Amino acid sequence: MLLYLENPIKISLAILVLICLFHMPYGYYQHFKYIAMVGFAILAYNEYQRKNISLVIVFVYSAFLFQPF
């Protein structure tokens, strides 16, 4: 389990989302989609291990929302 990475992932995703509010090059947004998808997938896996299905659904939905494919 990647529980020790949970808070840094949440903080870094929040910072990256806030940076998206500013005018950035298009490449930033492309990279952000990959990073966000992986981060939300890890968070969903952590919540699945804890048997917290409601947050699993939220994080899986967020991962699909930011999916780059």
C-alpha atoms as a PDB file:
ATOM      1  CA  MET A   1       0.000   0.000   0.000  1.00  0.00           C
ATOM      2  CA  LEU A   2       1.148   3.498  -0.753  1.00  0.00           C
ATOM      3  CA  LEU A   3      -0.330   5.133   2.340  1.00  0.00           C
ATOM      4  CA  TYR A   4       2.770   7.202   3.046  1.00  0.00           C
ATOM      5  CA  LEU A   5       2.322   8.895  -0.341  1.00  0.00           C
ATOM      6  CA  GLU A   6      -1.318   9.828   0.148  1.00  0.00           C
ATOM      7  CA  ASN A   7      -0.907  13.341   1.592  1.00  0.00           C
ATOM      8  CA  PRO A   8       1.906  14.395  -0.774  1.00  0.00           C
ATOM      9  CA  ILE A   9      -0.168  13.183  -3.737  1.00  0.00           C
ATOM     10  CA  LYS A  10      -3.220  15.131  -2.582  1.00  0.00           C
ATOM     11  CA  ILE A  11      -1.190  18.291  -1.963  1.00  0.00           C
ATOM     12  CA  SER A  12       0.664  18.088  -5.275  1.00  0.00           C
ATOM     13  CA  LEU A  13      -2.572  17.460  -7.215  1.00  0.00           C
ATOM     14  CA  ALA A  14      -4.184  20.457  -5.530  1.00  0.00           C
ATOM     15  CA  ILE A  15      -1.207  22.665  -6.427  1.00  0.00           C
ATOM     16  CA  LEU A  16      -1.183  21.415 -10.024  1.00  0.00           C
ATOM     17  CA  VAL A  17      -4.911  22.113 -10.367  1.00  0.00           C
ATOM     18  CA  LEU A  18      -4.419  25.649  -9.050  1.00  0.00           C
ATOM     19  CA  ILE A  19      -1.580  26.220 -11.519  1.00  0.00           C
ATOM     20  CA  CYS A  20      -3.992  25.189 -14.294  1.00  0.00           C
ATOM     21  CA  LEU A  21      -5.959  28.369 -13.556  1.00  0.00           C
ATOM     22  CA  PHE A  22      -3.113  30.434 -14.979  1.00  0.00           C
ATOM     23  CA  HIS A  23      -2.119  30.749 -18.608  1.00  0.00           C
ATOM     24  CA  MET A  24       0.336  27.909 -19.179  1.00  0.00           C
ATOM     25  CA  PRO A  25       1.774  26.314 -22.321  1.00  0.00           C
ATOM     26  CA  TYR A  26      -0.298  23.505 -23.788  1.00  0.00           C
ATOM     27  CA  GLY A  27       2.361  20.948 -22.879  1.00  0.00           C
ATOM     28  CA  TYR A  28       1.752  21.603 -19.185  1.00  0.00           C
ATOM     29  CA  TYR A  29      -1.875  20.568 -19.524  1.00  0.00           C
ATOM     30  CA  GLN A  30      -0.920  17.413 -21.425  1.00  0.00           C
ATOM     31  CA  HIS A  31       1.523  16.384 -18.706  1.00  0.00           C
ATOM     32  CA  PHE A  32      -0.951  17.353 -16.001  1.00  0.00           C
ATOM     33  CA  LYS A  33      -3.537  14.918 -17.381  1.00  0.00           C
ATOM     34  CA  TYR A  34      -1.127  11.990 -17.070  1.00  0.00           C
ATOM     35  CA  ILE A  35       0.000  13.005 -13.588  1.00  0.00           C
ATOM     36  CA  ALA A  36      -3.578  13.549 -12.394  1.00  0.00           C
ATOM     37  CA  MET A  37      -4.758  10.219 -13.776  1.00  0.00           C
ATOM     38  CA  VAL A  38      -1.968   8.297 -12.045  1.00  0.00           C
ATOM     39  CA  GLY A  39      -2.395  10.253  -8.802  1.00  0.00           C
ATOM     40  CA  PHE A  40      -6.141   9.664  -8.639  1.00  0.00           C
ATOM     41  CA  ALA A  41      -5.653   5.977  -9.480  1.00  0.00           C
ATOM     42  CA  ILE A  42      -3.224   5.610  -6.565  1.00  0.00           C
ATOM     43  CA  LEU A  43      -5.655   7.388  -4.251  1.00  0.00           C
ATOM     44  CA  ALA A  44      -8.479   5.118  -5.436  1.00  0.00           C
ATOM     45  CA  TYR A  45      -6.345   2.052  -4.758  1.00  0.00           C
ATOM     46  CA  ASN A  46      -5.537   3.282  -1.245  1.00  0.00           C
ATOM     47  CA  GLU A  47      -9.206   3.836  -0.477  1.00  0.00           C
ATOM     48  CA  TYR A  48     -10.069   0.427  -1.919  1.00  0.00           C
ATOM     49  CA  GLN A  49      -7.598  -1.132   0.508  1.00  0.00           C
ATOM     50  CA  ARG A  50      -9.399   0.688   3.336  1.00  0.00           C
ATOM     51  CA  LYS A  51     -12.787  -0.525   2.041  1.00  0.00           C
ATOM     52  CA  ASN A  52     -14.033   3.064   1.604  1.00  0.00           C
ATOM     53  CA  ILE A  53     -16.063   2.495  -1.555  1.00  0.00           C
ATOM     54  CA  SER A  54     -17.589   5.983  -1.750  1.00  0.00           C
ATOM     55  CA  LEU A  55     -14.144   7.605  -2.084  1.00  0.00           C
ATOM     56  CA  VAL A  56     -13.051   4.882  -4.506  1.00  0.00           C
ATOM     57  CA  ILE A  57     -15.892   5.933  -6.785  1.00  0.00           C
ATOM     58  CA  VAL A  58     -14.920   9.612  -6.477  1.00  0.00           C
ATOM     59  CA  PHE A  59     -11.242   8.968  -7.245  1.00  0.00           C
ATOM     60  CA  VAL A  60     -11.964   6.572 -10.126  1.00  0.00           C
ATOM     61  CA  TYR A  61     -14.349   9.116 -11.624  1.00  0.00           C
ATOM     62  CA  SER A  62     -11.660  11.806 -11.233  1.00  0.00           C
ATOM     63  CA  ALA A  63      -9.080   9.550 -12.895  1.00  0.00           C
ATOM     64  CA  PHE A  64     -11.432   9.031 -15.851  1.00  0.00           C
ATOM     65  CA  LEU A  65     -12.189  12.740 -15.960  1.00  0.00           C
ATOM     66  CA  PHE A  66      -8.510  13.586 -16.415  1.00  0.00           C
ATOM     67  CA  GLN A  67      -7.634  10.595 -18.588  1.00  0.00           C
ATOM     68  CA  PRO A  68      -5.352  11.632 -21.472  1.00  0.00           C
ATOM     69  CA  PHE A  69      -6.311   8.913 -23.963  1.00  0.00           C
END
